């Protein structure tokens, strides 16, 4: 017997301290450094992800001054992703590195 696992690709866009889902659901961000500064200094942040019961496969695209910076894809915990999608998909050190590039 074969089991078919269906993965659906979603994209979440973060603009000015809020997360907008495809269904127009808005979730407000209360993350601290470096995530709040990254949100305020960039044009858009897109989180592309697929989700199953316990994990989320995701990557982050940061758009800034016509450039797109993409993080490596990672596997995040579903519960953590539900609470802090950006922090779950973009490790703090990588977020700090991207933020530093916005000052050059």
Protein backbone atom coordinates (compact mmCIF):
# COMPACT_ATOMS: atom_id res chain seq x y z
CA UNK A 1 0.00 0.00 0.00
CA UNK A 2 1.35 3.42 -0.95
CA UNK A 3 0.84 6.52 1.10
CA UNK A 4 0.57 9.80 -0.71
CA UNK A 5 1.70 12.86 1.20
CA UNK A 6 0.55 16.08 -0.34
CA UNK A 7 2.64 19.19 0.27
CA UNK A 8 1.16 22.54 -0.56
CA UNK A 9 3.45 25.47 -1.15
CA UNK A 10 2.51 28.68 0.66
CA UNK A 11 4.06 32.11 0.67
CA UNK A 12 3.80 34.56 3.54
CA UNK A 13 4.79 38.20 3.11
CA UNK A 14 5.90 40.37 5.99
CA UNK A 15 5.53 44.11 5.58
CA UNK A 16 5.96 46.78 8.25
CA UNK A 17 5.64 44.51 11.30
CA UNK A 18 2.78 42.41 10.07
CA UNK A 19 2.43 39.07 8.35
CA UNK A 20 -0.07 38.71 5.50
CA UNK A 21 -1.12 35.22 4.48
CA UNK A 22 -2.65 34.26 1.16
CA UNK A 23 -6.05 34.08 2.86
CA UNK A 24 -5.62 37.74 3.94
CA UNK A 25 -5.16 36.76 7.58
CA UNK A 26 -2.93 39.28 9.37
CA UNK A 27 -0.66 38.28 12.23
CA UNK A 28 1.30 41.02 14.01
CA UNK A 29 4.96 40.53 14.81
CA UNK A 30 6.41 41.25 18.25
CA UNK A 31 9.89 39.92 17.53
CA UNK A 32 12.89 41.87 18.76
CA UNK A 33 16.34 42.42 17.34
CA UNK A 34 17.27 41.76 14.55
CA UNK A 35 13.88 40.84 13.12
CA UNK A 36 12.00 44.12 13.79
CA UNK A 37 14.81 46.16 12.23
CA UNK A 38 14.97 43.79 9.27
CA UNK A 39 11.23 44.19 8.71
CA UNK A 40 11.40 47.99 8.93
CA UNK A 41 14.53 48.42 6.76
CA UNK A 42 13.52 46.18 3.84
CA UNK A 43 10.88 46.44 1.14
CA UNK A 44 9.36 42.97 1.68
CA UNK A 45 10.09 39.65 3.33
CA UNK A 46 8.58 36.51 1.81
CA UNK A 47 8.49 33.18 3.63
CA UNK A 48 7.91 30.25 1.29
CA UNK A 49 6.96 27.07 3.10
CA UNK A 50 5.39 23.63 2.98
CA UNK A 51 3.87 22.18 6.10
CA UNK A 52 2.99 18.77 7.46
CA UNK A 53 2.05 17.57 10.97
CA UNK A 54 5.23 18.27 12.93
CA UNK A 55 7.52 20.21 10.63
CA UNK A 56 7.67 23.07 8.19
CA UNK A 57 10.14 23.29 5.33
CA UNK A 58 10.80 26.96 4.67
CA UNK A 59 13.06 29.61 3.24
CA UNK A 60 13.04 33.39 3.43
CA UNK A 61 13.46 35.98 0.66
CA UNK A 62 14.32 39.52 1.67
CA UNK A 63 13.76 42.27 -0.92
CA UNK A 64 15.71 45.47 -0.46
CA UNK A 65 16.58 48.20 -2.98
CA UNK A 66 15.90 46.00 -5.98
CA UNK A 67 17.95 43.10 -4.59
CA UNK A 68 16.66 39.74 -3.37
CA UNK A 69 18.55 37.85 -0.67
CA UNK A 70 17.46 34.26 -0.11
CA UNK A 71 18.19 32.15 2.96
CA UNK A 72 18.93 28.44 2.72
CA UNK A 73 15.90 26.18 3.13
CA UNK A 74 15.53 24.76 6.64
CA UNK A 75 13.19 22.48 8.58
CA UNK A 76 11.36 24.21 11.44
CA UNK A 77 9.11 22.93 14.20
CA UNK A 78 5.42 23.51 13.36
CA UNK A 79 4.54 24.88 16.81
CA UNK A 80 7.42 27.37 16.74
CA UNK A 81 6.55 28.34 13.17
CA UNK A 82 2.96 29.08 14.18
CA UNK A 83 4.16 31.49 16.88
CA UNK A 84 7.16 33.09 15.15
CA UNK A 85 7.31 32.25 11.45
CA UNK A 86 10.17 34.57 10.54
CA UNK A 87 12.40 33.63 13.48
CA UNK A 88 11.71 29.93 12.87
CA UNK A 89 12.73 30.11 9.21
CA UNK A 90 15.55 32.64 9.44
CA UNK A 91 18.13 31.88 12.13
CA UNK A 92 19.18 34.91 14.18
CA UNK A 93 22.78 34.98 12.88
CA UNK A 94 21.60 34.90 9.27
CA UNK A 95 19.05 37.64 10.00
CA UNK A 96 21.81 39.79 11.53
CA UNK A 97 23.98 39.23 8.46
CA UNK A 98 21.18 40.33 6.10
CA UNK A 99 20.40 43.33 8.32
CA UNK A 100 24.05 44.42 8.20
CA UNK A 101 23.90 44.43 4.38
CA UNK A 102 21.07 47.00 4.51
CA UNK A 103 23.49 49.52 6.03
CA UNK A 104 26.05 49.32 3.16
